[in-house]
Amino acid sequence: MTDFNILFFQQKTTITSFCGILWGLIELGYDVKQGRDLLPDGDYDEVLLNSILKDIDEMLLNGADAKEGKDPIIITQDFCAVAAEAAHMRNIIYVCWPYDCPQSALYRKEALYDTNRIFFFDKSEIERLKAKGIKNIYYEPLAGNVTRTDSLTLTEADMKKYLCDISFVGGLYTGKESEILKRSSEKRLSLLKFLSNDLDVVLYTSTEGADKMLPGVSVRGRVNYDDEMYKVFAFSKLNLNITMAGIETGVPQRVFDIMSIGGVCLTDHQKELDELFDTGKELITVDSPEEMKEKAEYYIRHEKERLEIALNGYKRIKSEYNYPNAMKRILVKVTESI
């Protein structure tokens, strides 16, 4: 694998300050340079573009690593149009590995550049993007940051605060969102209402008015992604994943996050779940609200079987779907494509 000279841009709108990509690169032994914080998409002006070009020139092209013959590449998580433009202007490789689907920025003209190397977790969306003319796009499922979760300290106070039968961490999107987000919101509201008729359900969300929309659900405030969310996952007997409507076949980030801390994931079925996991042994999948309720009631009562699933899922993430492994696979593919 090529010994790359890497410039990483953190994005302001990312859900975490502990970006798993950066963790993975550091674990692989890369001396990663960091540029300024960026927005993932949207229009940009000459001032911002020139500032990114300056970062590239100073930190990559004119650095000691360039003299040693290391190939320079830029990496972000979500696709960033200004980063793609700057990389194209300097004729260097730009790599991104988004966790949202669909990602509107991937339908911009900058996504068509031959200097891009785009990695994506939903095979159906990959086919749509290829049909739009994107050539250098590859399948790579998302990952869990096990190094991060293994470093967290879980206390008795945390257990008292977060212990519950069923939890869901996520938004309800009740404002002026796209039709896709509205469909996701309707799906989430309907399922949470249905489950809360007979089960104790806790919702962690920043959505205002969620308690009025879901009177049978224990609605609590937002939890931060860096540690509180993982504590919810660790101490909930079952953690719901209700997949966004825009993710057609892929496995969302929440599934990997739940399993990375040893939480039990109860999720609606996605086609690629069966390709990545031993469903039924590493996580619990369902095809209907009725089946979700039935399995929730069963696993809440059967602790041994529930804990076996938690352990199996954690082992799978730790051995395979972690950030060092994923970044190694990504960089191998980048090397092969140069």
C-alpha atoms as a PDB file:
ATOM      1  CA  MET A   1       0.000   0.000   0.000  1.00  0.00           C
ATOM      2  CA  THR A   2       1.284   3.465  -0.893  1.00  0.00           C
ATOM      3  CA  ASP A   3       2.624   5.551   1.997  1.00  0.00           C
ATOM      4  CA  PHE A   4       0.355   8.554   1.585  1.00  0.00           C
ATOM      5  CA  ASN A   5       0.861  12.111   2.747  1.00  0.00           C
ATOM      6  CA  ILE A   6      -2.633  12.847   4.135  1.00  0.00           C
ATOM      7  CA  LEU A   7      -4.429  16.123   4.697  1.00  0.00           C
ATOM      8  CA  PHE A   8      -7.662  15.640   6.648  1.00  0.00           C
ATOM      9  CA  PHE A   9     -10.454  18.206   6.835  1.00  0.00           C
ATOM     10  CA  GLN A  10     -12.920  17.985   9.726  1.00  0.00           C
ATOM     11  CA  GLN A  11     -16.404  19.221   8.852  1.00  0.00           C
ATOM     12  CA  LYS A  12     -18.344  21.624  11.066  1.00  0.00           C
ATOM     13  CA  THR A  13     -21.637  19.788  10.717  1.00  0.00           C
ATOM     14  CA  THR A  14     -20.338  16.323  11.540  1.00  0.00           C
ATOM     15  CA  ILE A  15     -22.109  14.550  14.378  1.00  0.00           C
ATOM     16  CA  THR A  16     -18.939  14.016  16.417  1.00  0.00           C
ATOM     17  CA  SER A  17     -15.731  15.830  17.294  1.00  0.00           C
ATOM     18  CA  PHE A  18     -13.994  12.432  17.470  1.00  0.00           C
ATOM     19  CA  CYS A  19     -14.057  11.558  13.763  1.00  0.00           C
ATOM     20  CA  GLY A  20     -13.561   7.822  13.329  1.00  0.00           C
ATOM     21  CA  ILE A  21     -11.682   8.329  10.057  1.00  0.00           C
ATOM     22  CA  LEU A  22      -9.017  10.344  11.841  1.00  0.00           C
ATOM     23  CA  TRP A  23      -8.818   7.758  14.639  1.00  0.00           C
ATOM     24  CA  GLY A  24      -8.384   4.967  12.104  1.00  0.00           C
ATOM     25  CA  LEU A  25      -5.617   6.762  10.221  1.00  0.00           C
ATOM     26  CA  ILE A  26      -3.721   7.499  13.413  1.00  0.00           C
ATOM     27  CA  GLU A  27      -4.058   3.867  14.517  1.00  0.00           C
ATOM     28  CA  LEU A  28      -2.570   2.818  11.180  1.00  0.00           C
ATOM     29  CA  GLY A  29       0.462   4.973  11.935  1.00  0.00           C
ATOM     30  CA  TYR A  30      -0.171   7.896   9.568  1.00  0.00           C
ATOM     31  CA  ASP A  31       1.086  11.338  10.564  1.00  0.00           C
ATOM     32  CA  VAL A  32      -2.080  13.100   9.453  1.00  0.00           C
ATOM     33  CA  LYS A  33      -2.094  16.846   8.863  1.00  0.00           C
ATOM     34  CA  GLN A  34      -5.307  18.740   9.510  1.00  0.00           C
ATOM     35  CA  GLY A  35      -6.697  21.643   7.496  1.00  0.00           C
ATOM     36  CA  ARG A  36      -9.373  24.113   8.466  1.00  0.00           C
ATOM     37  CA  ASP A  37     -12.908  23.042   9.359  1.00  0.00           C
ATOM     38  CA  LEU A  38     -15.271  22.825   6.381  1.00  0.00           C
ATOM     39  CA  LEU A  39     -18.936  22.520   5.583  1.00  0.00           C
ATOM     40  CA  PRO A  40     -19.817  19.289   3.766  1.00  0.00           C
ATOM     41  CA  ASP A  41     -21.491  20.776   0.692  1.00  0.00           C
ATOM     42  CA  GLY A  42     -23.197  23.927  -0.535  1.00  0.00           C
ATOM     43  CA  ASP A  43     -21.844  26.783  -2.606  1.00  0.00           C
ATOM     44  CA  TYR A  44     -18.396  28.176  -1.992  1.00  0.00           C
ATOM     45  CA  ASP A  45     -16.553  31.300  -3.066  1.00  0.00           C
ATOM     46  CA  GLU A  46     -13.043  32.106  -4.264  1.00  0.00           C
ATOM     47  CA  VAL A  47     -11.951  33.102  -0.762  1.00  0.00           C
ATOM     48  CA  LEU A  48     -12.745  29.682   0.680  1.00  0.00           C
ATOM     49  CA  LEU A  49     -11.338  27.866  -2.335  1.00  0.00           C
ATOM     50  CA  ASN A  50      -8.081  29.804  -2.148  1.00  0.00           C
ATOM     51  CA  SER A  51      -7.776  29.085   1.560  1.00  0.00           C
ATOM     52  CA  ILE A  52      -8.092  25.347   0.883  1.00  0.00           C
ATOM     53  CA  LEU A  53      -5.534  25.598  -1.914  1.00  0.00           C
ATOM     54  CA  LYS A  54      -3.202  27.337   0.533  1.00  0.00           C
ATOM     55  CA  ASP A  55      -3.650  24.468   3.005  1.00  0.00           C
ATOM     56  CA  ILE A  56      -2.788  21.993   0.249  1.00  0.00           C
ATOM     57  CA  ASP A  57       0.286  23.916  -0.890  1.00  0.00           C
ATOM     58  CA  GLU A  58       1.642  24.520   2.571  1.00  0.00           C
ATOM     59  CA  MET A  59       0.794  21.218   4.258  1.00  0.00           C
ATOM     60  CA  LEU A  60       1.111  18.768   1.384  1.00  0.00           C
ATOM     61  CA  LEU A  61       2.908  19.858  -1.728  1.00  0.00           C
ATOM     62  CA  ASN A  62       5.635  21.865   0.014  1.00  0.00           C
ATOM     63  CA  GLY A  63       6.033  19.606   3.069  1.00  0.00           C
ATOM     64  CA  ALA A  64       8.836  17.221   3.949  1.00  0.00           C
ATOM     65  CA  ASP A  65       6.665  14.212   3.073  1.00  0.00           C
ATOM     66  CA  ALA A  66       6.370  15.435  -0.520  1.00  0.00           C
ATOM     67  CA  LYS A  67      10.162  15.427  -0.836  1.00  0.00           C
ATOM     68  CA  GLU A  68      10.165  11.827   0.366  1.00  0.00           C
ATOM     69  CA  GLY A  69       7.929  10.839  -2.534  1.00  0.00           C
ATOM     70  CA  LYS A  70       4.717  10.197  -0.610  1.00  0.00           C
ATOM     71  CA  ASP A  71       1.561  10.643  -2.692  1.00  0.00           C
ATOM     72  CA  PRO A  72      -0.571  13.505  -1.304  1.00  0.00           C
ATOM     73  CA  ILE A  73      -4.281  12.916  -0.778  1.00  0.00           C
ATOM     74  CA  ILE A  74      -7.126  14.853   0.845  1.00  0.00           C
ATOM     75  CA  ILE A  75      -9.708  13.091   3.021  1.00  0.00           C
ATOM     76  CA  THR A  76     -13.059  14.219   4.423  1.00  0.00           C
ATOM     77  CA  GLN A  77     -16.056  12.275   5.689  1.00  0.00           C
ATOM     78  CA  ASP A  78     -19.035  13.743   3.804  1.00  0.00           C
ATOM     79  CA  PHE A  79     -18.436  14.856   0.233  1.00  0.00           C
ATOM     80  CA  CYS A  80     -17.150  18.441   0.253  1.00  0.00           C
ATOM     81  CA  ALA A  81     -17.404  20.285  -3.051  1.00  0.00           C
ATOM     82  CA  VAL A  82     -14.704  22.848  -2.296  1.00  0.00           C
ATOM     83  CA  ALA A  83     -12.258  20.115  -1.255  1.00  0.00           C
ATOM     84  CA  ALA A  84     -13.015  18.221  -4.465  1.00  0.00           C
ATOM     85  CA  GLU A  85     -12.485  21.399  -6.522  1.00  0.00           C
ATOM     86  CA  ALA A  86      -9.186  22.203  -4.826  1.00  0.00           C
ATOM     87  CA  ALA A  87      -7.901  18.654  -5.232  1.00  0.00           C
ATOM     88  CA  HIS A  88      -8.880  18.689  -8.897  1.00  0.00           C
ATOM     89  CA  MET A  89      -7.047  21.971  -9.454  1.00  0.00           C
ATOM     90  CA  ARG A  90      -3.876  20.546  -7.905  1.00  0.00           C
ATOM     91  CA  ASN A  91      -4.362  17.142  -9.594  1.00  0.00           C
ATOM     92  CA  ILE A  92      -4.263  15.156  -6.354  1.00  0.00           C
ATOM     93  CA  ILE A  93      -6.620  12.498  -5.040  1.00  0.00           C
ATOM     94  CA  TYR A  94      -9.619  13.474  -2.910  1.00  0.00           C
ATOM     95  CA  VAL A  95     -11.210  10.732  -0.770  1.00  0.00           C
ATOM     96  CA  CYS A  96     -14.552  10.863   1.041  1.00  0.00           C
ATOM     97  CA  TRP A  97     -16.626   8.259   2.908  1.00  0.00           C
ATOM     98  CA  PRO A  98     -20.075   9.727   3.732  1.00  0.00           C
ATOM     99  CA  TYR A  99     -22.428   8.348   6.379  1.00  0.00           C
ATOM    100  CA  ASP A 100     -25.620  10.055   5.161  1.00  0.00           C
ATOM    101  CA  CYS A 101     -27.812   8.901   2.294  1.00  0.00           C
ATOM    102  CA  PRO A 102     -28.805  10.432   0.032  1.00  0.00           C
ATOM    103  CA  GLN A 103     -26.022  13.017   0.058  1.00  0.00           C
ATOM    104  CA  SER A 104     -27.092  15.961  -2.078  1.00  0.00           C
ATOM    105  CA  ALA A 105     -23.524  17.158  -2.612  1.00  0.00           C
ATOM    106  CA  LEU A 106     -22.794  13.991  -4.600  1.00  0.00           C
ATOM    107  CA  TYR A 107     -25.160  15.280  -7.280  1.00  0.00           C
ATOM    108  CA  ARG A 108     -23.014  18.396  -7.829  1.00  0.00           C
ATOM    109  CA  LYS A 109     -20.660  18.771 -10.788  1.00  0.00           C
ATOM    110  CA  GLU A 110     -17.603  18.502  -8.518  1.00  0.00           C
ATOM    111  CA  ALA A 111     -18.522  14.882  -7.759  1.00  0.00           C
ATOM    112  CA  LEU A 112     -17.752  13.986 -11.375  1.00  0.00           C
ATOM    113  CA  TYR A 113     -14.039  14.846 -11.202  1.00  0.00           C
ATOM    114  CA  ASP A 114     -11.652  11.999 -12.003  1.00  0.00           C
ATOM    115  CA  THR A 115      -9.493  12.980  -9.013  1.00  0.00           C
ATOM    116  CA  ASN A 116     -12.273  11.893  -6.625  1.00  0.00           C
ATOM    117  CA  ARG A 117     -12.330   8.534  -4.880  1.00  0.00           C
ATOM    118  CA  ILE A 118     -15.767   8.190  -3.286  1.00  0.00           C
ATOM    119  CA  PHE A 119     -16.618   5.380  -0.866  1.00  0.00           C
ATOM    120  CA  PHE A 120     -20.252   4.754  -0.016  1.00  0.00           C
ATOM    121  CA  PHE A 121     -22.251   2.373   2.168  1.00  0.00           C
ATOM    122  CA  ASP A 122     -25.484   1.908   0.202  1.00  0.00           C
ATOM    123  CA  LYS A 123     -25.220  -0.230  -2.935  1.00  0.00           C
ATOM    124  CA  SER A 124     -28.460   1.065  -4.440  1.00  0.00           C
ATOM    125  CA  GLU A 125     -27.281   4.673  -4.163  1.00  0.00           C
ATOM    126  CA  ILE A 126     -23.931   3.709  -5.672  1.00  0.00           C
ATOM    127  CA  GLU A 127     -25.717   2.441  -8.775  1.00  0.00           C
ATOM    128  CA  ARG A 128     -27.710   5.686  -9.041  1.00  0.00           C
ATOM    129  CA  LEU A 129     -24.540   7.764  -8.718  1.00  0.00           C
ATOM    130  CA  LYS A 130     -22.777   5.680 -11.354  1.00  0.00           C
ATOM    131  CA  ALA A 131     -25.713   6.325 -13.681  1.00  0.00           C
ATOM    132  CA  LYS A 132     -25.168  10.065 -13.073  1.00  0.00           C
ATOM    133  CA  GLY A 133     -21.610   9.715 -14.366  1.00  0.00           C
ATOM    134  CA  ILE A 134     -19.535   9.159 -11.223  1.00  0.00           C
ATOM    135  CA  LYS A 135     -16.848   6.609 -12.071  1.00  0.00           C
ATOM    136  CA  ASN A 136     -14.505   6.299  -9.094  1.00  0.00           C
ATOM    137  CA  ILE A 137     -17.032   5.164  -6.503  1.00  0.00           C
ATOM    138  CA  TYR A 138     -16.621   2.071  -4.334  1.00  0.00           C
ATOM    139  CA  TYR A 139     -18.661   0.167  -1.767  1.00  0.00           C
ATOM    140  CA  GLU A 140     -17.464   0.380   1.816  1.00  0.00           C
ATOM    141  CA  PRO A 141     -19.832  -0.285   4.745  1.00  0.00           C
ATOM    142  CA  LEU A 142     -19.666   2.051   7.704  1.00  0.00           C
ATOM    143  CA  ALA A 143     -17.772   1.250  10.904  1.00  0.00           C
ATOM    144  CA  GLY A 144     -17.808   1.517  14.691  1.00  0.00           C
ATOM    145  CA  ASN A 145     -15.143   3.332  16.668  1.00  0.00           C
ATOM    146  CA  VAL A 146     -14.273   0.500  19.052  1.00  0.00           C
ATOM    147  CA  THR A 147     -11.043   2.194  20.122  1.00  0.00           C
ATOM    148  CA  ARG A 148     -13.136   5.104  21.340  1.00  0.00           C
ATOM    149  CA  THR A 149     -15.821   3.034  23.038  1.00  0.00           C
ATOM    150  CA  ASP A 150     -13.250   0.809  24.740  1.00  0.00           C
ATOM    151  CA  SER A 151     -11.753   3.918  26.348  1.00  0.00           C
ATOM    152  CA  LEU A 152     -15.046   5.072  27.905  1.00  0.00           C
ATOM    153  CA  THR A 153     -15.650   4.592  31.623  1.00  0.00           C
ATOM    154  CA  LEU A 154     -19.138   3.324  32.463  1.00  0.00           C
ATOM    155  CA  THR A 155     -20.165   3.989  36.065  1.00  0.00           C
ATOM    156  CA  GLU A 156     -22.955   2.890  38.371  1.00  0.00           C
ATOM    157  CA  ALA A 157     -24.322   6.420  38.151  1.00  0.00           C
ATOM    158  CA  ASP A 158     -24.453   6.031  34.360  1.00  0.00           C
ATOM    159  CA  MET A 159     -26.356   2.788  34.742  1.00  0.00           C
ATOM    160  CA  LYS A 160     -28.943   4.408  37.020  1.00  0.00           C
ATOM    161  CA  LYS A 161     -29.325   7.300  34.596  1.00  0.00           C
ATOM    162  CA  TYR A 162     -29.609   5.359  31.340  1.00  0.00           C
ATOM    163  CA  LEU A 163     -30.946   1.908  32.239  1.00  0.00           C
ATOM    164  CA  CYS A 164     -34.151   1.160  30.347  1.00  0.00           C
ATOM    165  CA  ASP A 165     -35.897  -1.559  28.344  1.00  0.00           C
ATOM    166  CA  ILE A 166     -35.979   0.101  24.909  1.00  0.00           C
ATOM    167  CA  SER A 167     -34.396   3.322  23.700  1.00  0.00           C
ATOM    168  CA  PHE A 168     -34.145   5.259  20.484  1.00  0.00           C
ATOM    169  CA  VAL A 169     -31.641   8.047  19.845  1.00  0.00           C
ATOM    170  CA  GLY A 170     -32.564  10.267  16.920  1.00  0.00           C
ATOM    171  CA  GLY A 171     -34.523  13.144  15.436  1.00  0.00           C
ATOM    172  CA  LEU A 172     -38.171  13.268  14.374  1.00  0.00           C
ATOM    173  CA  TYR A 173     -37.790  15.949  11.668  1.00  0.00           C
ATOM    174  CA  THR A 174     -41.020  17.866  12.192  1.00  0.00           C
ATOM    175  CA  GLY A 175     -39.998  21.121  10.488  1.00  0.00           C
ATOM    176  CA  LYS A 176     -39.673  22.081   6.828  1.00  0.00           C
ATOM    177  CA  GLU A 177     -37.571  19.095   5.791  1.00  0.00           C
ATOM    178  CA  SER A 178     -37.447  17.220   2.525  1.00  0.00           C
ATOM    179  CA  GLU A 179     -40.042  14.603   1.643  1.00  0.00           C
ATOM    180  CA  ILE A 180     -37.517  11.873   2.505  1.00  0.00           C
ATOM    181  CA  LEU A 181     -37.056  13.225   6.028  1.00  0.00           C
ATOM    182  CA  LYS A 182     -40.801  13.652   6.452  1.00  0.00           C
ATOM    183  CA  ARG A 183     -41.317   9.997   5.525  1.00  0.00           C
ATOM    184  CA  SER A 184     -38.636   9.015   8.035  1.00  0.00           C
ATOM    185  CA  SER A 185     -40.355  11.083  10.706  1.00  0.00           C
ATOM    186  CA  GLU A 186     -43.729   9.474  10.045  1.00  0.00           C
ATOM    187  CA  LYS A 187     -42.159   6.015  10.209  1.00  0.00           C
ATOM    188  CA  ARG A 188     -40.404   6.782  13.487  1.00  0.00           C
ATOM    189  CA  LEU A 189     -43.462   8.366  15.110  1.00  0.00           C
ATOM    190  CA  SER A 190     -45.716   5.495  14.097  1.00  0.00           C
ATOM    191  CA  LEU A 191     -43.352   2.813  15.354  1.00  0.00           C
ATOM    192  CA  LEU A 192     -42.583   4.529  18.661  1.00  0.00           C
ATOM    193  CA  LYS A 193     -46.312   5.050  19.318  1.00  0.00           C
ATOM    194  CA  PHE A 194     -47.044   1.411  18.525  1.00  0.00           C
ATOM    195  CA  LEU A 195     -44.295   0.041  20.781  1.00  0.00           C
ATOM    196  CA  SER A 196     -45.107   2.386  23.664  1.00  0.00           C
ATOM    197  CA  ASN A 197     -48.668   1.051  23.905  1.00  0.00           C
ATOM    198  CA  ASP A 198     -47.350  -2.014  25.757  1.00  0.00           C
ATOM    199  CA  LEU A 199     -43.625  -1.422  26.358  1.00  0.00           C
ATOM    200  CA  ASP A 200     -41.462   1.117  28.186  1.00  0.00           C
ATOM    201  CA  VAL A 201     -39.793   3.210  25.495  1.00  0.00           C
ATOM    202  CA  VAL A 202     -37.326   6.059  25.993  1.00  0.00           C
ATOM    203  CA  LEU A 203     -36.594   8.610  23.261  1.00  0.00           C
ATOM    204  CA  TYR A 204     -33.490  10.808  23.279  1.00  0.00           C
ATOM    205  CA  THR A 205     -34.028  13.685  20.862  1.00  0.00           C
ATOM    206  CA  SER A 206     -33.573  17.404  20.332  1.00  0.00           C
ATOM    207  CA  THR A 207     -36.939  17.629  18.547  1.00  0.00           C
ATOM    208  CA  GLU A 208     -39.165  20.197  20.258  1.00  0.00           C
ATOM    209  CA  GLY A 209     -42.653  19.020  21.171  1.00  0.00           C
ATOM    210  CA  ALA A 210     -41.728  15.329  20.957  1.00  0.00           C
ATOM    211  CA  ASP A 211     -43.372  14.675  24.339  1.00  0.00           C
ATOM    212  CA  LYS A 212     -46.707  15.960  23.007  1.00  0.00           C
ATOM    213  CA  MET A 213     -46.440  13.889  19.832  1.00  0.00           C
ATOM    214  CA  LEU A 214     -45.551  10.761  21.810  1.00  0.00           C
ATOM    215  CA  PRO A 215     -47.441  10.844  25.121  1.00  0.00           C
ATOM    216  CA  GLY A 216     -46.697   7.185  25.872  1.00  0.00           C
ATOM    217  CA  VAL A 217     -42.935   7.570  25.383  1.00  0.00           C
ATOM    218  CA  SER A 218     -40.477   8.841  27.993  1.00  0.00           C
ATOM    219  CA  VAL A 219     -38.950  11.739  26.052  1.00  0.00           C
ATOM    220  CA  ARG A 220     -35.578  12.983  27.223  1.00  0.00           C
ATOM    221  CA  GLY A 221     -33.252  15.565  25.773  1.00  0.00           C
ATOM    222  CA  ARG A 222     -30.487  15.232  23.272  1.00  0.00           C
ATOM    223  CA  VAL A 223     -27.418  13.182  24.184  1.00  0.00           C
ATOM    224  CA  ASN A 224     -24.041  14.081  22.746  1.00  0.00           C
ATOM    225  CA  TYR A 225     -22.468  11.689  20.275  1.00  0.00           C
ATOM    226  CA  ASP A 226     -19.044  11.525  21.905  1.00  0.00           C
ATOM    227  CA  ASP A 227     -19.942   9.702  25.120  1.00  0.00           C
ATOM    228  CA  GLU A 228     -23.535  10.072  26.368  1.00  0.00           C
ATOM    229  CA  MET A 229     -24.992   8.305  23.339  1.00  0.00           C
ATOM    230  CA  TYR A 230     -22.757   5.297  23.906  1.00  0.00           C
ATOM    231  CA  LYS A 231     -23.867   5.108  27.531  1.00  0.00           C
ATOM    232  CA  VAL A 232     -27.478   4.985  26.370  1.00  0.00           C
ATOM    233  CA  PHE A 233     -26.572   2.110  24.044  1.00  0.00           C
ATOM    234  CA  ALA A 234     -24.673   0.256  26.767  1.00  0.00           C
ATOM    235  CA  PHE A 235     -27.439   0.396  29.380  1.00  0.00           C
ATOM    236  CA  SER A 236     -30.539  -0.007  27.216  1.00  0.00           C
ATOM    237  CA  LYS A 237     -31.673  -3.602  27.053  1.00  0.00           C
ATOM    238  CA  LEU A 238     -32.623  -3.003  23.429  1.00  0.00           C
ATOM    239  CA  ASN A 239     -31.560  -0.161  21.126  1.00  0.00           C
ATOM    240  CA  LEU A 240     -33.819   0.674  18.207  1.00  0.00           C
ATOM    241  CA  ASN A 241     -32.569   1.506  14.758  1.00  0.00           C
ATOM    242  CA  ILE A 242     -35.301   3.010  12.579  1.00  0.00           C
ATOM    243  CA  THR A 243     -33.584   3.516   9.248  1.00  0.00           C
ATOM    244  CA  MET A 244     -33.927   6.811   7.389  1.00  0.00           C
ATOM    245  CA  ALA A 245     -36.094   6.546   4.296  1.00  0.00           C
ATOM    246  CA  GLY A 246     -33.231   7.672   2.058  1.00  0.00           C
ATOM    247  CA  ILE A 247     -31.099   4.633   2.954  1.00  0.00           C
ATOM    248  CA  GLU A 248     -32.487   2.039   0.582  1.00  0.00           C
ATOM    249  CA  THR A 249     -30.343  -1.091   1.128  1.00  0.00           C
ATOM    250  CA  GLY A 250     -27.371   0.003   3.255  1.00  0.00           C
ATOM    251  CA  VAL A 251     -26.744  -0.255   6.986  1.00  0.00           C
ATOM    252  CA  PRO A 252     -26.831   3.107   8.825  1.00  0.00           C
ATOM    253  CA  GLN A 253     -24.188   4.449  11.199  1.00  0.00           C
ATOM    254  CA  ARG A 254     -26.405   3.946  14.262  1.00  0.00           C
ATOM    255  CA  VAL A 255     -26.208   0.149  13.916  1.00  0.00           C
ATOM    256  CA  PHE A 256     -22.406   0.149  14.081  1.00  0.00           C
ATOM    257  CA  ASP A 257     -22.385   2.633  16.974  1.00  0.00           C
ATOM    258  CA  ILE A 258     -24.775   0.508  19.034  1.00  0.00           C
ATOM    259  CA  MET A 259     -22.775  -2.674  18.488  1.00  0.00           C
ATOM    260  CA  SER A 260     -19.390  -1.007  19.088  1.00  0.00           C
ATOM    261  CA  ILE A 261     -20.198  -0.489  22.789  1.00  0.00           C
ATOM    262  CA  GLY A 262     -21.802  -3.915  23.247  1.00  0.00           C
ATOM    263  CA  GLY A 263     -25.388  -2.722  22.919  1.00  0.00           C
ATOM    264  CA  VAL A 264     -28.132  -4.904  21.473  1.00  0.00           C
ATOM    265  CA  CYS A 265     -29.441  -3.547  18.176  1.00  0.00           C
ATOM    266  CA  LEU A 266     -33.095  -4.138  17.234  1.00  0.00           C
ATOM    267  CA  THR A 267     -33.482  -2.870  13.700  1.00  0.00           C
ATOM    268  CA  ASP A 268     -35.812  -2.777  10.750  1.00  0.00           C
ATOM    269  CA  HIS A 269     -34.523  -5.021   8.000  1.00  0.00           C
ATOM    270  CA  GLN A 270     -32.103  -3.750   5.358  1.00  0.00           C
ATOM    271  CA  LYS A 271     -30.845  -5.930   2.515  1.00  0.00           C
ATOM    272  CA  GLU A 272     -27.164  -5.400   3.280  1.00  0.00           C
ATOM    273  CA  LEU A 273     -27.564  -6.389   6.934  1.00  0.00           C
ATOM    274  CA  ASP A 274     -27.639 -10.019   5.805  1.00  0.00           C
ATOM    275  CA  GLU A 275     -24.422  -9.527   3.837  1.00  0.00           C
ATOM    276  CA  LEU A 276     -22.509  -7.933   6.710  1.00  0.00           C
ATOM    277  CA  PHE A 277     -23.785  -9.691   9.839  1.00  0.00           C
ATOM    278  CA  ASP A 278     -25.069 -12.998  11.110  1.00  0.00           C
ATOM    279  CA  THR A 279     -28.558 -11.650  11.740  1.00  0.00           C
ATOM    280  CA  GLY A 280     -30.275 -13.221  14.733  1.00  0.00           C
ATOM    281  CA  LYS A 281     -26.918 -13.877  16.407  1.00  0.00           C
ATOM    282  CA  GLU A 282     -25.174 -10.492  16.199  1.00  0.00           C
ATOM    283  CA  LEU A 283     -28.202  -8.207  16.018  1.00  0.00           C
ATOM    284  CA  ILE A 284     -31.984  -8.550  15.790  1.00  0.00           C
ATOM    285  CA  THR A 285     -33.810  -7.728  12.556  1.00  0.00           C
ATOM    286  CA  VAL A 286     -37.545  -7.417  11.905  1.00  0.00           C
ATOM    287  CA  ASP A 287     -39.795  -6.880   8.894  1.00  0.00           C
ATOM    288  CA  SER A 288     -42.820  -5.270  10.556  1.00  0.00           C
ATOM    289  CA  PRO A 289     -43.862  -3.289  13.655  1.00  0.00           C
ATOM    290  CA  GLU A 290     -45.682  -6.379  14.939  1.00  0.00           C
ATOM    291  CA  GLU A 291     -42.528  -8.479  14.676  1.00  0.00           C
ATOM    292  CA  MET A 292     -40.502  -5.749  16.356  1.00  0.00           C
ATOM    293  CA  LYS A 293     -42.894  -5.693  19.308  1.00  0.00           C
ATOM    294  CA  GLU A 294     -42.898  -9.485  19.549  1.00  0.00           C
ATOM    295  CA  LYS A 295     -39.110  -9.742  19.513  1.00  0.00           C
ATOM    296  CA  ALA A 296     -38.718  -6.830  21.921  1.00  0.00           C
ATOM    297  CA  GLU A 297     -40.967  -8.529  24.454  1.00  0.00           C
ATOM    298  CA  TYR A 298     -39.066 -11.807  24.022  1.00  0.00           C
ATOM    299  CA  TYR A 299     -35.540 -10.440  24.416  1.00  0.00           C
ATOM    300  CA  ILE A 300     -36.432  -8.173  27.337  1.00  0.00           C
ATOM    301  CA  ARG A 301     -37.490 -11.334  29.185  1.00  0.00           C
ATOM    302  CA  HIS A 302     -34.565 -13.523  28.034  1.00  0.00           C
ATOM    303  CA  GLU A 303     -31.426 -11.859  29.334  1.00  0.00           C
ATOM    304  CA  LYS A 304     -28.941 -14.647  28.503  1.00  0.00           C
ATOM    305  CA  GLU A 305     -29.912 -14.692  24.834  1.00  0.00           C
ATOM    306  CA  ARG A 306     -29.887 -10.919  24.716  1.00  0.00           C
ATOM    307  CA  LEU A 307     -26.384 -10.676  26.173  1.00  0.00           C
ATOM    308  CA  GLU A 308     -25.089 -13.323  23.777  1.00  0.00           C
ATOM    309  CA  ILE A 309     -26.260 -11.174  20.868  1.00  0.00           C
ATOM    310  CA  ALA A 310     -24.615  -8.107  22.416  1.00  0.00           C
ATOM    311  CA  LEU A 311     -21.285  -9.924  22.771  1.00  0.00           C
ATOM    312  CA  ASN A 312     -21.386 -11.426  19.288  1.00  0.00           C
ATOM    313  CA  GLY A 313     -22.184  -8.069  17.726  1.00  0.00           C
ATOM    314  CA  TYR A 314     -19.391  -6.329  19.610  1.00  0.00           C
ATOM    315  CA  LYS A 315     -16.888  -8.981  18.531  1.00  0.00           C
ATOM    316  CA  ARG A 316     -17.895  -8.546  14.889  1.00  0.00           C
ATOM    317  CA  ILE A 317     -17.340  -4.782  14.998  1.00  0.00           C
ATOM    318  CA  LYS A 318     -14.058  -5.138  16.867  1.00  0.00           C
ATOM    319  CA  SER A 319     -12.670  -7.725  14.453  1.00  0.00           C
ATOM    320  CA  GLU A 320     -13.975  -6.419  11.140  1.00  0.00           C
ATOM    321  CA  TYR A 321     -16.034  -3.208  10.965  1.00  0.00           C
ATOM    322  CA  ASN A 322     -13.703  -0.838  12.785  1.00  0.00           C
ATOM    323  CA  TYR A 323     -12.002   2.299  11.477  1.00  0.00           C
ATOM    324  CA  PRO A 324      -8.415   1.023  11.075  1.00  0.00           C
ATOM    325  CA  ASN A 325      -9.667  -1.936   9.017  1.00  0.00           C
ATOM    326  CA  ALA A 326     -11.956   0.261   6.954  1.00  0.00           C
ATOM    327  CA  MET A 327      -9.296   2.894   6.255  1.00  0.00           C
ATOM    328  CA  LYS A 328      -6.831   0.180   5.296  1.00  0.00           C
ATOM    329  CA  ARG A 329      -9.344  -1.200   2.776  1.00  0.00           C
ATOM    330  CA  ILE A 330     -10.043   2.298   1.461  1.00  0.00           C
ATOM    331  CA  LEU A 331      -6.376   3.205   1.020  1.00  0.00           C
ATOM    332  CA  VAL A 332      -5.643  -0.097  -0.712  1.00  0.00           C
ATOM    333  CA  LYS A 333      -8.382   0.677  -3.245  1.00  0.00           C
ATOM    334  CA  VAL A 334      -7.040   4.211  -3.682  1.00  0.00           C
ATOM    335  CA  THR A 335      -3.553   2.788  -4.323  1.00  0.00           C
ATOM    336  CA  GLU A 336      -4.902   0.349  -6.885  1.00  0.00           C
ATOM    337  CA  SER A 337      -6.795   3.154  -8.677  1.00  0.00           C
ATOM    338  CA  ILE A 338      -3.820   5.504  -9.124  1.00  0.00           C
END
